[in-house]
Protein backbone atom coordinates (compact mmCIF):
# COMPACT_ATOMS: atom_id res chain seq x y z
CA MET A 1 -37.89 -57.76 128.69
CA GLN A 2 -38.72 -56.43 125.23
CA ARG A 3 -36.43 -57.60 122.42
CA HIS A 4 -35.34 -55.18 119.77
CA ASP A 5 -33.98 -56.55 116.50
CA GLN A 6 -31.32 -54.43 114.85
CA ILE A 7 -31.88 -53.81 111.14
CA ILE A 8 -28.65 -53.75 109.15
CA ILE A 9 -28.65 -52.27 105.63
CA LYS A 10 -25.73 -53.34 103.53
CA ARG A 11 -24.88 -51.10 100.61
CA ALA A 12 -22.83 -52.53 97.78
CA ARG A 13 -20.00 -50.42 96.53
CA ARG A 14 -20.30 -49.35 92.94
CA ASN A 15 -17.50 -50.25 90.66
CA GLU A 16 -16.65 -47.14 88.71
CA HIS A 17 -15.23 -49.21 85.87
CA ASP A 18 -18.49 -51.11 85.17
CA VAL A 19 -19.89 -48.32 82.94
CA GLY A 20 -16.96 -48.58 80.59
CA HIS A 21 -17.59 -52.25 80.00
CA GLY A 22 -21.12 -51.71 78.51
CA GLY A 23 -22.10 -52.07 74.82
CA ALA A 24 -23.36 -48.55 74.09
CA TRP A 25 -19.99 -47.39 72.77
CA LYS A 26 -20.01 -50.20 70.22
CA VAL A 27 -23.28 -48.99 68.71
CA ALA A 28 -22.00 -45.42 68.53
CA PHE A 29 -18.75 -46.59 66.94
CA ALA A 30 -20.64 -48.66 64.35
CA ASP A 31 -22.80 -45.65 63.42
CA PHE A 32 -19.66 -43.56 63.06
CA MET A 33 -18.02 -46.12 60.76
CA ILE A 34 -21.12 -46.39 58.56
CA ALA A 35 -21.28 -42.61 58.19
CA LEU A 36 -17.57 -42.53 57.39
CA MET A 37 -17.95 -45.22 54.71
CA ALA A 38 -20.87 -43.32 53.18
CA LEU A 39 -18.76 -40.17 53.09
CA PHE A 40 -15.89 -42.00 51.38
CA LEU A 41 -18.35 -43.48 48.83
CA VAL A 42 -19.75 -40.03 47.97
CA LEU A 43 -16.25 -38.57 47.64
CA TRP A 44 -15.21 -41.47 45.40
CA ILE A 45 -18.21 -41.02 43.10
CA LEU A 46 -17.58 -37.27 42.84
CA ALA A 47 -13.97 -37.97 41.90
CA ILE A 48 -14.60 -40.45 39.08
CA VAL A 49 -17.66 -38.99 37.32
CA ASP A 50 -17.99 -35.82 35.29
CA GLN A 51 -20.80 -33.27 35.25
CA SER A 52 -22.99 -35.12 32.73
CA GLU A 53 -22.67 -38.38 34.67
CA ARG A 54 -23.67 -36.61 37.88
CA LYS A 55 -26.81 -35.37 36.16
CA ALA A 56 -27.56 -38.94 35.05
CA ILE A 57 -27.25 -40.16 38.64
CA VAL A 58 -29.56 -37.43 39.92
CA ALA A 59 -32.13 -38.19 37.22
CA TYR A 60 -32.00 -41.89 38.05
CA MET A 61 -32.45 -41.30 41.77
CA ASN A 62 -35.44 -39.04 41.11
CA SER A 63 -37.19 -41.53 38.85
CA ALA A 64 -36.25 -44.81 40.58
CA SER A 65 -37.74 -46.58 43.56
CA LEU A 66 -36.40 -49.33 45.77
CA PHE A 67 -39.77 -51.06 45.45
CA ASP A 68 -39.69 -51.02 41.62
CA GLN A 69 -38.50 -54.43 40.45
CA GLY A 70 -37.78 -53.30 36.89
CA VAL A 71 -35.77 -50.17 37.55
CA GLY A 72 -32.39 -51.81 37.67
CA ASN A 73 -29.16 -50.57 39.18
CA PRO A 74 -27.24 -47.54 37.83
CA PHE A 75 -24.02 -49.01 39.27
CA ASP A 76 -24.41 -52.32 37.46
CA SER A 77 -21.33 -52.70 35.26
CA SER A 78 -22.00 -56.27 34.08
CA SER A 79 -22.84 -55.13 30.53
CA SER A 80 -20.43 -52.22 30.38
CA MET A 81 -16.90 -51.96 29.02
CA SER A 82 -15.90 -49.65 31.90
CA PRO A 83 -16.11 -50.20 35.68
CA ILE A 84 -18.95 -47.67 35.89
CA ASP A 85 -21.18 -46.58 33.03
CA PHE A 86 -23.47 -43.63 33.55
CA GLY A 87 -23.57 -42.83 29.83
CA GLY A 88 -26.34 -42.37 27.32
CA GLU A 89 -29.60 -44.19 27.06
CA ALA A 90 -28.42 -46.71 24.47
CA SER A 91 -25.45 -48.10 26.41
CA ASP A 92 -27.38 -51.00 27.95
CA LEU A 93 -29.22 -53.78 26.18
CA SER A 94 -32.98 -53.61 26.24
CA SER A 95 -34.90 -56.31 28.02
CA HIS A 96 -38.21 -55.09 26.62
CA ASP A 97 -39.69 -55.19 23.17
CA ALA A 98 -41.98 -52.83 21.33
CA ALA A 99 -45.09 -54.74 22.35
CA MET A 100 -44.78 -54.09 26.08
CA THR A 101 -48.04 -53.73 27.97
CA VAL A 102 -48.79 -50.57 29.86
CA THR A 103 -49.34 -51.61 33.46
CA SER A 104 -51.11 -48.50 34.71
CA PHE A 105 -54.31 -47.34 33.01
CA TYR A 106 -56.16 -44.08 33.18
CA ASP A 107 -59.86 -43.91 32.45
CA GLY A 108 -59.76 -40.59 30.60
CA ASN A 109 -62.99 -39.17 29.19
CA GLY A 110 -61.76 -35.79 28.03
CA ASP A 111 -63.64 -33.89 30.73
CA GLY A 112 -60.69 -33.08 33.01
CA GLN A 113 -59.93 -29.66 34.44
CA TYR A 114 -57.34 -28.98 31.76
CA THR A 115 -59.61 -29.80 28.83
CA GLU A 116 -62.74 -27.98 29.86
CA SER A 117 -61.74 -24.98 27.71
CA LEU A 118 -61.31 -27.17 24.61
CA VAL A 119 -64.13 -27.55 22.14
CA GLN A 120 -64.60 -30.88 20.41
CA GLY A 121 -63.43 -30.56 16.82
CA THR A 122 -60.49 -29.98 14.51
CA TYR A 123 -57.92 -27.26 15.22
CA ASP A 124 -56.61 -25.85 11.92
CA THR A 125 -56.03 -22.11 12.32
CA GLN A 126 -53.08 -20.55 14.12
CA GLU A 127 -55.39 -19.02 16.73
CA GLN A 128 -56.94 -22.42 17.49
CA LEU A 129 -53.51 -24.03 17.75
CA LYS A 130 -52.38 -21.31 20.18
CA VAL A 131 -55.35 -22.10 22.41
CA LEU A 132 -54.39 -25.78 22.31
CA ALA A 133 -50.77 -24.92 23.09
CA LYS A 134 -51.89 -22.89 26.10
CA VAL A 135 -53.83 -25.86 27.47
CA VAL A 136 -50.80 -28.16 27.08
CA GLU A 137 -48.50 -25.64 28.77
CA GLU A 138 -50.92 -25.24 31.68
CA LEU A 139 -51.11 -29.00 32.11
CA ALA A 140 -47.30 -29.26 32.12
CA LYS A 141 -47.12 -26.51 34.73
CA GLN A 142 -49.63 -28.27 36.98
CA ALA A 143 -47.67 -31.52 36.63
CA SER A 144 -44.35 -29.77 37.48
CA ALA A 145 -43.03 -30.71 34.03
CA GLU A 146 -42.27 -27.28 32.55
CA GLY A 147 -38.70 -28.35 31.81
CA ASN A 148 -39.85 -31.56 30.15
CA VAL A 149 -42.61 -30.27 27.86
CA HIS A 150 -42.01 -27.79 25.04
CA VAL A 151 -44.74 -26.63 22.67
CA ASP A 152 -44.31 -24.96 19.27
CA VAL A 153 -47.04 -23.70 16.93
CA THR A 154 -46.06 -24.29 13.29
CA PRO A 155 -47.92 -23.82 9.97
CA GLN A 156 -48.37 -27.61 9.83
CA GLY A 157 -49.78 -27.98 13.35
CA LEU A 158 -48.75 -28.17 16.99
CA ARG A 159 -45.46 -29.77 18.00
CA ILE A 160 -45.28 -31.16 21.56
CA VAL A 161 -41.80 -32.27 22.67
CA LEU A 162 -41.39 -34.50 25.74
CA GLN A 163 -37.73 -34.77 26.71
CA ASP A 164 -35.29 -35.62 29.48
CA ASP A 165 -33.73 -33.11 31.82
CA TYR A 166 -31.21 -33.25 34.68
CA ARG A 167 -33.95 -34.35 37.10
CA GLN A 168 -35.97 -36.90 35.13
CA ASN A 169 -35.29 -39.54 32.49
CA MET A 170 -38.16 -40.49 30.21
CA PHE A 171 -37.06 -44.10 29.67
CA HIS A 172 -34.86 -46.49 31.57
CA ARG A 173 -31.39 -46.85 30.11
CA GLY A 174 -31.33 -48.64 26.79
CA SER A 175 -34.96 -49.77 27.05
CA SER A 176 -38.44 -48.70 26.02
CA GLU A 177 -39.86 -48.83 29.57
CA LEU A 178 -41.33 -45.49 30.61
CA THR A 179 -40.44 -44.04 33.98
CA PRO A 180 -43.46 -43.38 36.24
CA PHE A 181 -43.17 -39.59 35.94
CA PHE A 182 -43.45 -39.54 32.14
CA GLU A 183 -46.03 -42.32 32.08
CA ASP A 184 -48.27 -40.19 34.29
CA LEU A 185 -47.55 -37.17 32.08
CA LEU A 186 -48.66 -38.99 28.93
CA LEU A 187 -51.77 -40.23 30.70
CA GLU A 188 -52.56 -36.64 31.65
CA LEU A 189 -52.12 -35.54 28.02
CA ALA A 190 -54.37 -38.29 26.65
CA PRO A 191 -57.73 -36.52 27.36
CA ILE A 192 -56.57 -33.59 25.21
CA PHE A 193 -56.24 -35.88 22.19
CA HIS A 194 -59.64 -37.29 23.06
CA LYS A 195 -61.18 -33.84 22.61
CA ILE A 196 -59.50 -32.80 19.36
CA GLN A 197 -60.03 -34.51 16.01
CA ASN A 198 -56.62 -33.74 14.46
CA PRO A 199 -54.45 -36.63 13.22
CA LEU A 200 -51.36 -37.30 15.31
CA ILE A 201 -47.78 -38.30 14.43
CA ILE A 202 -45.65 -39.84 17.21
CA SER A 203 -41.87 -39.97 16.69
CA GLY A 204 -39.12 -41.31 18.95
CA HIS A 205 -35.61 -39.86 19.12
CA THR A 206 -32.40 -41.03 20.83
CA ASP A 207 -28.97 -39.57 21.44
CA ALA A 208 -25.91 -40.65 19.44
CA VAL A 209 -24.69 -43.27 21.94
CA ARG A 210 -24.51 -46.62 20.16
CA PHE A 211 -25.37 -50.12 21.29
CA ASN A 212 -22.49 -52.51 21.90
CA ARG A 213 -22.39 -54.64 18.74
CA ASN A 214 -20.67 -57.47 20.62
CA ARG A 215 -23.77 -58.01 22.75
CA SER A 216 -26.69 -57.08 20.50
CA GLU A 217 -27.60 -56.45 16.89
CA LYS A 218 -30.10 -53.79 17.92
CA SER A 219 -29.55 -50.13 17.13
CA ASN A 220 -31.03 -46.75 17.98
CA TRP A 221 -33.50 -47.24 15.12
CA GLU A 222 -35.22 -50.13 16.89
CA LEU A 223 -34.97 -48.35 20.24
CA SER A 224 -36.53 -45.09 19.03
CA ALA A 225 -39.33 -46.91 17.17
CA SER A 226 -40.09 -49.03 20.24
CA ARG A 227 -40.25 -45.95 22.48
CA ALA A 228 -42.58 -44.16 20.09
CA ASN A 229 -44.89 -47.16 20.06
CA VAL A 230 -44.87 -47.32 23.88
CA ALA A 231 -45.88 -43.64 23.94
CA ARG A 232 -48.76 -44.49 21.56
CA GLN A 233 -49.90 -47.35 23.81
CA THR A 234 -49.81 -45.11 26.87
CA LEU A 235 -51.86 -42.37 25.20
CA ILE A 236 -54.45 -44.90 24.06
CA ALA A 237 -54.59 -46.36 27.58
CA GLY A 238 -55.30 -42.85 28.83
CA GLY A 239 -58.26 -42.34 26.52
CA ALA A 240 -56.80 -41.03 23.25
CA PRO A 241 -58.61 -42.49 20.19
CA GLU A 242 -56.49 -45.06 18.41
CA ASN A 243 -57.74 -44.06 14.96
CA HIS A 244 -56.36 -40.53 15.43
CA VAL A 245 -52.77 -41.81 15.28
CA LEU A 246 -51.63 -41.37 11.69
CA GLN A 247 -48.01 -42.47 12.00
CA VAL A 248 -45.55 -43.88 14.55
CA ALA A 249 -41.91 -43.41 13.56
CA GLY A 250 -38.43 -44.03 14.96
CA MET A 251 -35.91 -41.33 14.04
CA ALA A 252 -32.88 -42.64 16.00
CA ASP A 253 -30.36 -39.77 16.27
CA ARG A 254 -31.02 -38.25 12.83
CA ALA A 255 -32.79 -35.11 14.13
CA PRO A 256 -31.00 -33.95 17.33
CA LEU A 257 -32.24 -30.89 19.18
CA ASN A 258 -28.64 -30.16 20.17
CA PRO A 259 -26.42 -30.93 17.15
CA ASN A 260 -23.33 -29.58 18.92
CA GLU A 261 -23.69 -32.26 21.63
CA PRO A 262 -25.16 -35.37 19.98
CA ASP A 263 -24.93 -37.32 23.27
CA ALA A 264 -26.86 -34.67 25.25
CA SER A 265 -29.93 -35.70 27.22
CA GLU A 266 -32.26 -33.25 25.42
CA ASN A 267 -31.82 -35.28 22.24
CA ARG A 268 -33.62 -38.21 23.91
CA ARG A 269 -37.28 -37.33 23.44
CA ILE A 270 -40.73 -38.18 22.15
CA GLU A 271 -42.46 -35.75 19.78
CA LEU A 272 -46.23 -35.54 19.38
CA PHE A 273 -47.16 -33.63 16.23
CA VAL A 274 -50.80 -32.55 15.99
CA LEU A 275 -51.40 -32.09 12.24
CA THR A 276 -53.74 -29.67 10.58
CA THR A 277 -56.15 -31.02 7.97
CA SER A 278 -54.00 -29.85 5.04
CA ALA A 279 -50.80 -31.24 6.55
CA ALA A 280 -52.46 -34.59 7.27
CA ARG A 281 -53.72 -34.76 3.70
CA MET A 282 -50.20 -34.14 2.43
CA VAL A 283 -48.76 -36.94 4.58
CA GLU A 284 -51.46 -39.35 3.43
CA THR A 285 -50.71 -38.48 -0.21
CA LEU A 286 -47.04 -39.34 0.28
CA PHE A 287 -47.90 -42.90 1.29
CA LYS A 288 -51.05 -43.56 -0.71
CA GLY A 289 -49.80 -42.09 -3.98
CA PRO A 290 -51.92 -40.66 -6.80
CA SER A 291 -54.69 -42.75 -8.32
CA LYS A 292 -54.59 -43.86 -11.97
CA ALA A 293 -57.31 -41.38 -12.88
CA GLU A 294 -55.04 -38.56 -11.72
CA ASP A 295 -52.03 -39.77 -13.69
CA GLY A 296 -50.81 -37.23 -16.21
CA PRO A 297 -49.14 -37.87 -19.59
CA ALA A 298 -45.68 -37.98 -18.00
CA VAL A 299 -46.70 -40.68 -15.50
CA GLN A 300 -48.42 -42.70 -18.24
CA GLN A 301 -45.35 -42.47 -20.48
CA ALA A 302 -43.07 -43.56 -17.64
CA ARG A 303 -45.32 -46.55 -16.98
CA GLU A 304 -45.17 -47.60 -20.66
CA HIS A 305 -41.36 -47.36 -20.65
CA ALA A 306 -41.21 -49.47 -17.48
CA GLU A 307 -43.45 -52.15 -19.00
CA PHE A 308 -41.37 -52.17 -22.19
CA ASN A 309 -38.16 -52.70 -20.20
CA GLN A 310 -39.52 -55.64 -18.23
CA PRO A 311 -37.43 -58.85 -18.63
CA VAL A 312 -38.85 -61.32 -21.19
CA ILE A 313 -38.84 -65.07 -20.65
CA ARG A 314 -37.68 -67.08 -23.70
CA GLN A 315 -40.81 -69.25 -23.75
CA ASP A 316 -43.05 -66.19 -23.82
CA PHE A 317 -41.04 -64.68 -26.70
CA VAL A 318 -41.36 -67.87 -28.78
CA LYS A 319 -45.08 -68.14 -27.96
CA ASN A 320 -45.85 -64.55 -29.01
CA SER A 321 -43.81 -64.81 -32.23
């Protein structure tokens, strides 16, 4: 007799409540709470800052990187008198000096696409300066820096202004460290100064925000001079001849572009002044002074009066008498 085994399949009943005891809802709830906290943080920042401070935040976010060790934190209030300080460039103490080393170098030879139209030589006439201005404007356009570069042709030469805007800051707050955007811009400008033979004046300018005297004896004079020197170092690293730099000056806040708002961002700038031959000669005369052969009767008479009014030591008087 053939034996047949009966196969029994046992099906387990599903518990409808098991799905509710999983961990997926916890992940979704955590994502929701993080998004809610981010929303509250944005609303809080919008409530406590004004329009100028919002622009400073945007400029910082555009020029900063999480991988940049030296950028700092815009929310750091350790050196501020208020809980949050998004103010002017001079509100924080500088951790850099004027002799900082440029970390990125550009091997410029003056043969770039923006300088091919320039002829090696000195640019003295207004027509020549307009050609030079056109090259600088085209370079700024290609670098997406139209709002940061302004060019003016003057009787004394070409004035190139590099300044902050609502998107980009030129220097980190209270320091002479260039942001990457403006460092690259100066390195792009360097081949132009390699082609032309005109002397160059570099001046640094700050806004009217002062350093905290309780924490540092520095002022906007040191800060502006340090920034101008950093701009000089960057241009030289990009290929600009060092002997073409005639003067590096710090102007602090004495020549604001916007006198009605001395704390405005456009007052924080670097100016590159390309001098004509006559203007350069005039600047050199101011510092060198006239030679003795060129002294007139009035200068000679003034020198004699000065020598006559020199103090006399008693021993010398007795010796001469």
